[in-house]
Amino acid sequence: MPISNQHKIGLLCDILKNQADEHYMTDDEASQITRLLQSLSNDPSVDQSIKQIIGEISEQHQLNHEPFLQENVEQWLTGMNQITFDSNTGHSPGNNYK
């Protein structure tokens, strides 16, 4: 059974938060990020604001295969949580990362 976009966003947030906290990203995490970014960016039902953040993450991910900068991750997580929280009338995709 495929996972919903909301769950994909939640999983992406979890992976980003984890690698930012640990300052380390495994090859499997990098691959999972790539798959999630591609899936979400190709889905027409994903909010354009989320797609903009996904584009920023994708650009950084392609340019740099090391863990993302903490400040970038925090900005992306805050943006995604705010957008998904607002658009789903109070339901966030997962934990609130601030």
PDB file of N, CA and C in Angstrom:
ATOM      1  N   MET A   1       0.848  -1.168   0.000  1.00  0.00           N
ATOM      2  CA  MET A   1       0.000   0.000   0.000  1.00  0.00           C
ATOM      3  C   MET A   1       0.898   1.238   0.000  1.00  0.00           C
ATOM      4  N   PRO A   2       0.705   2.138  -0.947  1.00  0.00           N
ATOM      5  CA  PRO A   2       1.523   3.349  -1.010  1.00  0.00           C
ATOM      6  C   PRO A   2       1.221   4.278   0.169  1.00  0.00           C
ATOM      7  N   ILE A   3       2.226   5.052   0.542  1.00  0.00           N
ATOM      8  CA  ILE A   3       2.008   5.992   1.636  1.00  0.00           C
ATOM      9  C   ILE A   3       1.511   7.325   1.075  1.00  0.00           C
ATOM     10  N   SER A   4       0.750   8.029   1.887  1.00  0.00           N
ATOM     11  CA  SER A   4       0.171   9.306   1.459  1.00  0.00           C
ATOM     12  C   SER A   4       1.252  10.381   1.392  1.00  0.00           C
ATOM     13  N   ASN A   5       0.932  11.464   0.702  1.00  0.00           N
ATOM     14  CA  ASN A   5       1.863  12.591   0.641  1.00  0.00           C
ATOM     15  C   ASN A   5       2.152  13.138   2.032  1.00  0.00           C
ATOM     16  N   GLN A   6       1.148  13.151   2.879  1.00  0.00           N
ATOM     17  CA  GLN A   6       1.327  13.636   4.252  1.00  0.00           C
ATOM     18  C   GLN A   6       2.361  12.781   4.983  1.00  0.00           C
ATOM     19  N   HIS A   7       2.288  11.467   4.791  1.00  0.00           N
ATOM     20  CA  HIS A   7       3.268  10.579   5.420  1.00  0.00           C
ATOM     21  C   HIS A   7       4.651  10.737   4.792  1.00  0.00           C
ATOM     22  N   LYS A   8       4.699  10.965   3.485  1.00  0.00           N
ATOM     23  CA  LYS A   8       5.989  11.201   2.821  1.00  0.00           C
ATOM     24  C   LYS A   8       6.652  12.458   3.367  1.00  0.00           C
ATOM     25  N   ILE A   9       5.861  13.512   3.549  1.00  0.00           N
ATOM     26  CA  ILE A   9       6.395  14.758   4.096  1.00  0.00           C
ATOM     27  C   ILE A   9       6.870  14.533   5.531  1.00  0.00           C
ATOM     28  N   GLY A  10       6.092  13.798   6.297  1.00  0.00           N
ATOM     29  CA  GLY A  10       6.491  13.481   7.669  1.00  0.00           C
ATOM     30  C   GLY A  10       7.779  12.684   7.721  1.00  0.00           C
ATOM     31  N   LEU A  11       7.912  11.704   6.822  1.00  0.00           N
ATOM     32  CA  LEU A  11       9.132  10.896   6.757  1.00  0.00           C
ATOM     33  C   LEU A  11      10.323  11.754   6.349  1.00  0.00           C
ATOM     34  N   LEU A  12      10.134  12.609   5.357  1.00  0.00           N
ATOM     35  CA  LEU A  12      11.198  13.515   4.930  1.00  0.00           C
ATOM     36  C   LEU A  12      11.629  14.408   6.092  1.00  0.00           C
ATOM     37  N   CYS A  13      10.669  14.955   6.820  1.00  0.00           N
ATOM     38  CA  CYS A  13      10.986  15.795   7.981  1.00  0.00           C
ATOM     39  C   CYS A  13      11.773  15.013   9.028  1.00  0.00           C
ATOM     40  N   ASP A  14      11.361  13.780   9.290  1.00  0.00           N
ATOM     41  CA  ASP A  14      12.062  12.947  10.271  1.00  0.00           C
ATOM     42  C   ASP A  14      13.507  12.686   9.860  1.00  0.00           C
ATOM     43  N   ILE A  15      13.723  12.353   8.598  1.00  0.00           N
ATOM     44  CA  ILE A  15      15.080  12.070   8.109  1.00  0.00           C
ATOM     45  C   ILE A  15      15.939  13.327   8.172  1.00  0.00           C
ATOM     46  N   LEU A  16      15.393  14.455   7.734  1.00  0.00           N
ATOM     47  CA  LEU A  16      16.147  15.711   7.771  1.00  0.00           C
ATOM     48  C   LEU A  16      16.515  16.087   9.201  1.00  0.00           C
ATOM     49  N   LYS A  17      15.564  15.979  10.109  1.00  0.00           N
ATOM     50  CA  LYS A  17      15.810  16.314  11.515  1.00  0.00           C
ATOM     51  C   LYS A  17      16.877  15.402  12.099  1.00  0.00           C
ATOM     52  N   ASN A  18      16.788  14.121  11.811  1.00  0.00           N
ATOM     53  CA  ASN A  18      17.745  13.152  12.333  1.00  0.00           C
ATOM     54  C   ASN A  18      19.158  13.449  11.846  1.00  0.00           C
ATOM     55  N   GLN A  19      19.320  13.689  10.551  1.00  0.00           N
ATOM     56  CA  GLN A  19      20.669  13.925  10.031  1.00  0.00           C
ATOM     57  C   GLN A  19      21.210  15.267  10.506  1.00  0.00           C
ATOM     58  N   ALA A  20      20.348  16.243  10.716  1.00  0.00           N
ATOM     59  CA  ALA A  20      20.808  17.539  11.226  1.00  0.00           C
ATOM     60  C   ALA A  20      21.267  17.413  12.678  1.00  0.00           C
ATOM     61  N   ASP A  21      20.549  16.614  13.460  1.00  0.00           N
ATOM     62  CA  ASP A  21      20.926  16.406  14.861  1.00  0.00           C
ATOM     63  C   ASP A  21      22.238  15.641  14.984  1.00  0.00           C
ATOM     64  N   GLU A  22      22.417  14.647  14.109  1.00  0.00           N
ATOM     65  CA  GLU A  22      23.598  13.789  14.185  1.00  0.00           C
ATOM     66  C   GLU A  22      24.764  14.285  13.337  1.00  0.00           C
ATOM     67  N   HIS A  23      24.525  15.271  12.474  1.00  0.00           N
ATOM     68  CA  HIS A  23      25.552  15.785  11.548  1.00  0.00           C
ATOM     69  C   HIS A  23      26.140  14.659  10.703  1.00  0.00           C
ATOM     70  N   TYR A  24      25.268  13.729  10.323  1.00  0.00           N
ATOM     71  CA  TYR A  24      25.700  12.560   9.570  1.00  0.00           C
ATOM     72  C   TYR A  24      24.521  12.061   8.756  1.00  0.00           C
ATOM     73  N   MET A  25      24.793  11.607   7.531  1.00  0.00           N
ATOM     74  CA  MET A  25      23.748  11.059   6.678  1.00  0.00           C
ATOM     75  C   MET A  25      24.274   9.779   6.039  1.00  0.00           C
ATOM     76  N   THR A  26      23.552   8.681   6.214  1.00  0.00           N
ATOM     77  CA  THR A  26      23.957   7.426   5.591  1.00  0.00           C
ATOM     78  C   THR A  26      23.599   7.447   4.110  1.00  0.00           C
ATOM     79  N   ASP A  27      24.179   6.520   3.357  1.00  0.00           N
ATOM     80  CA  ASP A  27      23.834   6.390   1.937  1.00  0.00           C
ATOM     81  C   ASP A  27      22.354   6.053   1.772  1.00  0.00           C
ATOM     82  N   ASP A  28      21.834   5.209   2.666  1.00  0.00           N
ATOM     83  CA  ASP A  28      20.416   4.848   2.598  1.00  0.00           C
ATOM     84  C   ASP A  28      19.520   6.061   2.847  1.00  0.00           C
ATOM     85  N   GLU A  29      19.903   6.902   3.807  1.00  0.00           N
ATOM     86  CA  GLU A  29      19.122   8.113   4.067  1.00  0.00           C
ATOM     87  C   GLU A  29      19.164   9.057   2.868  1.00  0.00           C
ATOM     88  N   ALA A  30      20.338   9.198   2.263  1.00  0.00           N
ATOM     89  CA  ALA A  30      20.467  10.059   1.080  1.00  0.00           C
ATOM     90  C   ALA A  30      19.595   9.536  -0.059  1.00  0.00           C
ATOM     91  N   SER A  31      19.588   8.223  -0.253  1.00  0.00           N
ATOM     92  CA  SER A  31      18.750   7.618  -1.298  1.00  0.00           C
ATOM     93  C   SER A  31      17.267   7.811  -1.001  1.00  0.00           C
ATOM     94  N   GLN A  32      16.902   7.643   0.256  1.00  0.00           N
ATOM     95  CA  GLN A  32      15.499   7.817   0.646  1.00  0.00           C
ATOM     96  C   GLN A  32      15.062   9.267   0.439  1.00  0.00           C
ATOM     97  N   ILE A  33      15.929  10.211   0.789  1.00  0.00           N
ATOM     98  CA  ILE A  33      15.623  11.625   0.564  1.00  0.00           C
ATOM     99  C   ILE A  33      15.397  11.875  -0.924  1.00  0.00           C
ATOM    100  N   THR A  34      16.272  11.328  -1.758  1.00  0.00           N
ATOM    101  CA  THR A  34      16.139  11.499  -3.211  1.00  0.00           C
ATOM    102  C   THR A  34      14.794  10.973  -3.698  1.00  0.00           C
ATOM    103  N   ARG A  35      14.423   9.768  -3.262  1.00  0.00           N
ATOM    104  CA  ARG A  35      13.150   9.170  -3.693  1.00  0.00           C
ATOM    105  C   ARG A  35      11.950   9.990  -3.213  1.00  0.00           C
ATOM    106  N   LEU A  36      11.998  10.432  -1.964  1.00  0.00           N
ATOM    107  CA  LEU A  36      10.892  11.232  -1.437  1.00  0.00           C
ATOM    108  C   LEU A  36      10.763  12.559  -2.175  1.00  0.00           C
ATOM    109  N   LEU A  37      11.890  13.216  -2.419  1.00  0.00           N
ATOM    110  CA  LEU A  37      11.862  14.495  -3.128  1.00  0.00           C
ATOM    111  C   LEU A  37      11.302  14.335  -4.535  1.00  0.00           C
ATOM    112  N   GLN A  38      11.719  13.282  -5.237  1.00  0.00           N
ATOM    113  CA  GLN A  38      11.226  13.043  -6.594  1.00  0.00           C
ATOM    114  C   GLN A  38       9.734  12.749  -6.589  1.00  0.00           C
ATOM    115  N   SER A  39       9.312  11.904  -5.673  1.00  0.00           N
ATOM    116  CA  SER A  39       7.905  11.534  -5.602  1.00  0.00           C
ATOM    117  C   SER A  39       7.024  12.747  -5.302  1.00  0.00           C
ATOM    118  N   LEU A  40       7.418  13.533  -4.326  1.00  0.00           N
ATOM    119  CA  LEU A  40       6.622  14.705  -3.950  1.00  0.00           C
ATOM    120  C   LEU A  40       6.644  15.788  -5.023  1.00  0.00           C
ATOM    121  N   SER A  41       7.791  15.996  -5.645  1.00  0.00           N
ATOM    122  CA  SER A  41       7.873  17.059  -6.658  1.00  0.00           C
ATOM    123  C   SER A  41       7.112  16.704  -7.929  1.00  0.00           C
ATOM    124  N   ASN A  42       6.939  15.413  -8.204  1.00  0.00           N
ATOM    125  CA  ASN A  42       6.224  14.981  -9.407  1.00  0.00           C
ATOM    126  C   ASN A  42       4.724  14.820  -9.197  1.00  0.00           C
ATOM    127  N   ASP A  43       4.259  14.979  -7.973  1.00  0.00           N
ATOM    128  CA  ASP A  43       2.842  14.791  -7.673  1.00  0.00           C
ATOM    129  C   ASP A  43       2.096  16.125  -7.798  1.00  0.00           C
ATOM    130  N   PRO A  44       1.131  16.207  -8.725  1.00  0.00           N
ATOM    131  CA  PRO A  44       0.415  17.473  -8.927  1.00  0.00           C
ATOM    132  C   PRO A  44      -0.457  17.888  -7.740  1.00  0.00           C
ATOM    133  N   SER A  45      -0.749  16.979  -6.828  1.00  0.00           N
ATOM    134  CA  SER A  45      -1.606  17.332  -5.695  1.00  0.00           C
ATOM    135  C   SER A  45      -0.837  17.966  -4.534  1.00  0.00           C
ATOM    136  N   VAL A  46       0.492  18.004  -4.624  1.00  0.00           N
ATOM    137  CA  VAL A  46       1.300  18.604  -3.559  1.00  0.00           C
ATOM    138  C   VAL A  46       1.248  20.125  -3.682  1.00  0.00           C
ATOM    139  N   ASP A  47       1.018  20.787  -2.576  1.00  0.00           N
ATOM    140  CA  ASP A  47       0.937  22.248  -2.513  1.00  0.00           C
ATOM    141  C   ASP A  47       2.189  22.894  -3.108  1.00  0.00           C
ATOM    142  N   GLN A  48       1.991  23.972  -3.856  1.00  0.00           N
ATOM    143  CA  GLN A  48       3.110  24.661  -4.513  1.00  0.00           C
ATOM    144  C   GLN A  48       4.128  25.197  -3.511  1.00  0.00           C
ATOM    145  N   SER A  49       3.678  25.607  -2.347  1.00  0.00           N
ATOM    146  CA  SER A  49       4.606  26.098  -1.325  1.00  0.00           C
ATOM    147  C   SER A  49       5.521  24.979  -0.838  1.00  0.00           C
ATOM    148  N   ILE A  50       4.962  23.782  -0.702  1.00  0.00           N
ATOM    149  CA  ILE A  50       5.770  22.615  -0.321  1.00  0.00           C
ATOM    150  C   ILE A  50       6.739  22.296  -1.450  1.00  0.00           C
ATOM    151  N   LYS A  51       6.264  22.379  -2.694  1.00  0.00           N
ATOM    152  CA  LYS A  51       7.143  22.097  -3.836  1.00  0.00           C
ATOM    153  C   LYS A  51       8.314  23.075  -3.894  1.00  0.00           C
ATOM    154  N   GLN A  52       8.081  24.315  -3.491  1.00  0.00           N
ATOM    155  CA  GLN A  52       9.174  25.291  -3.467  1.00  0.00           C
ATOM    156  C   GLN A  52      10.237  24.862  -2.450  1.00  0.00           C
ATOM    157  N   ILE A  53       9.813  24.439  -1.278  1.00  0.00           N
ATOM    158  CA  ILE A  53      10.754  23.966  -0.257  1.00  0.00           C
ATOM    159  C   ILE A  53      11.452  22.704  -0.740  1.00  0.00           C
ATOM    160  N   ILE A  54      10.701  21.803  -1.363  1.00  0.00           N
ATOM    161  CA  ILE A  54      11.278  20.572  -1.904  1.00  0.00           C
ATOM    162  C   ILE A  54      12.343  20.906  -2.944  1.00  0.00           C
ATOM    163  N   GLY A  55      12.079  21.928  -3.759  1.00  0.00           N
ATOM    164  CA  GLY A  55      13.060  22.367  -4.749  1.00  0.00           C
ATOM    165  C   GLY A  55      14.349  22.851  -4.099  1.00  0.00           C
ATOM    166  N   GLU A  56      14.226  23.599  -3.002  1.00  0.00           N
ATOM    167  CA  GLU A  56      15.405  24.073  -2.275  1.00  0.00           C
ATOM    168  C   GLU A  56      16.199  22.899  -1.702  1.00  0.00           C
ATOM    169  N   ILE A  57      15.484  21.944  -1.115  1.00  0.00           N
ATOM    170  CA  ILE A  57      16.149  20.768  -0.549  1.00  0.00           C
ATOM    171  C   ILE A  57      16.837  19.983  -1.660  1.00  0.00           C
ATOM    172  N   SER A  58      16.136  19.786  -2.776  1.00  0.00           N
ATOM    173  CA  SER A  58      16.699  19.041  -3.911  1.00  0.00           C
ATOM    174  C   SER A  58      17.967  19.696  -4.429  1.00  0.00           C
ATOM    175  N   GLU A  59      17.938  21.015  -4.552  1.00  0.00           N
ATOM    176  CA  GLU A  59      19.108  21.740  -5.048  1.00  0.00           C
ATOM    177  C   GLU A  59      20.304  21.534  -4.120  1.00  0.00           C
ATOM    178  N   GLN A  60      20.081  21.664  -2.830  1.00  0.00           N
ATOM    179  CA  GLN A  60      21.168  21.459  -1.868  1.00  0.00           C
ATOM    180  C   GLN A  60      21.637  20.007  -1.864  1.00  0.00           C
ATOM    181  N   HIS A  61      20.705  19.087  -2.013  1.00  0.00           N
ATOM    182  CA  HIS A  61      21.025  17.657  -1.995  1.00  0.00           C
ATOM    183  C   HIS A  61      21.873  17.276  -3.207  1.00  0.00           C
ATOM    184  N   GLN A  62      21.578  17.854  -4.364  1.00  0.00           N
ATOM    185  CA  GLN A  62      22.340  17.549  -5.576  1.00  0.00           C
ATOM    186  C   GLN A  62      23.719  18.188  -5.555  1.00  0.00           C
ATOM    187  N   LEU A  63      23.827  19.373  -4.971  1.00  0.00           N
ATOM    188  CA  LEU A  63      25.101  20.085  -4.938  1.00  0.00           C
ATOM    189  C   LEU A  63      26.054  19.553  -3.873  1.00  0.00           C
ATOM    190  N   ASN A  64      25.501  19.011  -2.817  1.00  0.00           N
ATOM    191  CA  ASN A  64      26.311  18.643  -1.670  1.00  0.00           C
ATOM    192  C   ASN A  64      25.800  17.330  -1.092  1.00  0.00           C
ATOM    193  N   HIS A  65      26.609  16.299  -1.136  1.00  0.00           N
ATOM    194  CA  HIS A  65      26.175  14.993  -0.637  1.00  0.00           C
ATOM    195  C   HIS A  65      26.525  14.788   0.829  1.00  0.00           C
ATOM    196  N   GLU A  66      26.866  15.859   1.506  1.00  0.00           N
ATOM    197  CA  GLU A  66      27.106  15.807   2.939  1.00  0.00           C
ATOM    198  C   GLU A  66      25.814  16.210   3.642  1.00  0.00           C
ATOM    199  N   PRO A  67      25.760  16.030   4.962  1.00  0.00           N
ATOM    200  CA  PRO A  67      24.549  16.458   5.677  1.00  0.00           C
ATOM    201  C   PRO A  67      24.254  17.938   5.446  1.00  0.00           C
ATOM    202  N   PHE A  68      22.982  18.263   5.484  1.00  0.00           N
ATOM    203  CA  PHE A  68      22.541  19.635   5.291  1.00  0.00           C
ATOM    204  C   PHE A  68      22.944  20.485   6.492  1.00  0.00           C
ATOM    205  N   LEU A  69      23.045  21.780   6.264  1.00  0.00           N
ATOM    206  CA  LEU A  69      23.331  22.700   7.360  1.00  0.00           C
ATOM    207  C   LEU A  69      22.128  22.765   8.296  1.00  0.00           C
ATOM    208  N   GLN A  70      22.396  22.804   9.582  1.00  0.00           N
ATOM    209  CA  GLN A  70      21.353  22.839  10.608  1.00  0.00           C
ATOM    210  C   GLN A  70      20.363  23.976  10.363  1.00  0.00           C
ATOM    211  N   GLU A  71      20.871  25.161  10.035  1.00  0.00           N
ATOM    212  CA  GLU A  71      19.974  26.310   9.840  1.00  0.00           C
ATOM    213  C   GLU A  71      19.051  26.102   8.644  1.00  0.00           C
ATOM    214  N   ASN A  72      19.547  25.457   7.577  1.00  0.00           N
ATOM    215  CA  ASN A  72      18.694  25.170   6.424  1.00  0.00           C
ATOM    216  C   ASN A  72      17.610  24.174   6.793  1.00  0.00           C
ATOM    217  N   VAL A  73      17.993  23.117   7.504  1.00  0.00           N
ATOM    218  CA  VAL A  73      17.022  22.093   7.902  1.00  0.00           C
ATOM    219  C   VAL A  73      15.931  22.713   8.768  1.00  0.00           C
ATOM    220  N   GLU A  74      16.326  23.520   9.732  1.00  0.00           N
ATOM    221  CA  GLU A  74      15.335  24.153  10.604  1.00  0.00           C
ATOM    222  C   GLU A  74      14.374  25.031   9.808  1.00  0.00           C
ATOM    223  N   GLN A  75      14.911  25.765   8.842  1.00  0.00           N
ATOM    224  CA  GLN A  75      14.068  26.628   8.003  1.00  0.00           C
ATOM    225  C   GLN A  75      13.091  25.783   7.180  1.00  0.00           C
ATOM    226  N   TRP A  76      13.588  24.706   6.561  1.00  0.00           N
ATOM    227  CA  TRP A  76      12.718  23.843   5.752  1.00  0.00           C
ATOM    228  C   TRP A  76      11.641  23.182   6.608  1.00  0.00           C
ATOM    229  N   LEU A  77      12.031  22.668   7.772  1.00  0.00           N
ATOM    230  CA  LEU A  77      11.073  21.993   8.638  1.00  0.00           C
ATOM    231  C   LEU A  77      10.005  22.961   9.132  1.00  0.00           C
ATOM    232  N   THR A  78      10.423  24.143   9.525  1.00  0.00           N
ATOM    233  CA  THR A  78       9.461  25.148   9.976  1.00  0.00           C
ATOM    234  C   THR A  78       8.488  25.491   8.849  1.00  0.00           C
ATOM    235  N   GLY A  79       9.013  25.686   7.651  1.00  0.00           N
ATOM    236  CA  GLY A  79       8.169  26.005   6.503  1.00  0.00           C
ATOM    237  C   GLY A  79       7.192  24.896   6.173  1.00  0.00           C
ATOM    238  N   MET A  80       7.680  23.657   6.134  1.00  0.00           N
ATOM    239  CA  MET A  80       6.794  22.535   5.802  1.00  0.00           C
ATOM    240  C   MET A  80       5.754  22.318   6.883  1.00  0.00           C
ATOM    241  N   ASN A  81       6.152  22.415   8.140  1.00  0.00           N
ATOM    242  CA  ASN A  81       5.187  22.240   9.224  1.00  0.00           C
ATOM    243  C   ASN A  81       4.126  23.325   9.200  1.00  0.00           C
ATOM    244  N   GLN A  82       4.525  24.559   8.939  1.00  0.00           N
ATOM    245  CA  GLN A  82       3.562  25.660   8.898  1.00  0.00           C
ATOM    246  C   GLN A  82       2.578  25.477   7.744  1.00  0.00           C
ATOM    247  N   ILE A  83       3.089  25.137   6.578  1.00  0.00           N
ATOM    248  CA  ILE A  83       2.230  24.973   5.403  1.00  0.00           C
ATOM    249  C   ILE A  83       1.283  23.799   5.584  1.00  0.00           C
ATOM    250  N   THR A  84       1.810  22.649   6.010  1.00  0.00           N
ATOM    251  CA  THR A  84       0.952  21.472   6.144  1.00  0.00           C
ATOM    252  C   THR A  84      -0.011  21.630   7.302  1.00  0.00           C
ATOM    253  N   PHE A  85       0.400  22.306   8.360  1.00  0.00           N
ATOM    254  CA  PHE A  85      -0.488  22.549   9.495  1.00  0.00           C
ATOM    255  C   PHE A  85      -1.635  23.458   9.078  1.00  0.00           C
ATOM    256  N   ASP A  86      -1.314  24.550   8.375  1.00  0.00           N
ATOM    257  CA  ASP A  86      -2.337  25.493   7.921  1.00  0.00           C
ATOM    258  C   ASP A  86      -3.298  24.864   6.919  1.00  0.00           C
ATOM    259  N   SER A  87      -2.759  24.109   5.965  1.00  0.00           N
ATOM    260  CA  SER A  87      -3.601  23.576   4.895  1.00  0.00           C
ATOM    261  C   SER A  87      -4.424  22.370   5.325  1.00  0.00           C
ATOM    262  N   ASN A  88      -4.109  21.794   6.471  1.00  0.00           N
ATOM    263  CA  ASN A  88      -4.853  20.626   6.936  1.00  0.00           C
ATOM    264  C   ASN A  88      -5.646  20.920   8.199  1.00  0.00           C
ATOM    265  N   THR A  89      -6.011  22.160   8.389  1.00  0.00           N
ATOM    266  CA  THR A  89      -6.830  22.604   9.513  1.00  0.00           C
ATOM    267  C   THR A  89      -6.376  22.027  10.844  1.00  0.00           C
ATOM    268  N   GLY A  90      -5.113  22.205  11.105  1.00  0.00           N
ATOM    269  CA  GLY A  90      -4.615  21.849  12.423  1.00  0.00           C
ATOM    270  C   GLY A  90      -3.902  20.532  12.537  1.00  0.00           C
ATOM    271  N   HIS A  91      -3.721  19.815  11.460  1.00  0.00           N
ATOM    272  CA  HIS A  91      -3.046  18.521  11.539  1.00  0.00           C
ATOM    273  C   HIS A  91      -1.679  18.606  10.882  1.00  0.00           C
ATOM    274  N   SER A  92      -0.643  18.496  11.682  1.00  0.00           N
ATOM    275  CA  SER A  92       0.732  18.557  11.194  1.00  0.00           C
ATOM    276  C   SER A  92       1.153  17.187  10.671  1.00  0.00           C
ATOM    277  N   PRO A  93       2.164  17.115   9.762  1.00  0.00           N
ATOM    278  CA  PRO A  93       2.579  15.839   9.193  1.00  0.00           C
ATOM    279  C   PRO A  93       3.330  14.954  10.166  1.00  0.00           C
ATOM    280  N   GLY A  94       3.586  15.411  11.316  1.00  0.00           N
ATOM    281  CA  GLY A  94       4.351  14.633  12.285  1.00  0.00           C
ATOM    282  C   GLY A  94       4.672  15.527  13.450  1.00  0.00           C
ATOM    283  N   ASN A  95       5.832  15.357  13.972  1.00  0.00           N
ATOM    284  CA  ASN A  95       6.259  16.195  15.082  1.00  0.00           C
ATOM    285  C   ASN A  95       6.490  17.616  14.613  1.00  0.00           C
ATOM    286  N   ASN A  96       6.338  18.538  15.516  1.00  0.00           N
ATOM    287  CA  ASN A  96       6.597  19.938  15.201  1.00  0.00           C
ATOM    288  C   ASN A  96       8.070  20.201  15.440  1.00  0.00           C
ATOM    289  N   TYR A  97       8.813  20.469  14.381  1.00  0.00           N
ATOM    290  CA  TYR A  97      10.256  20.646  14.470  1.00  0.00           C
ATOM    291  C   TYR A  97      10.596  22.112  14.490  1.00  0.00           C
ATOM    292  N   LYS A  98      11.004  22.596  15.636  1.00  0.00           N
ATOM    293  CA  LYS A  98      11.420  23.993  15.746  1.00  0.00           C
ATOM    294  C   LYS A  98      12.679  24.080  16.535  1.00  0.00           C
TER     295      LYS A  98
END
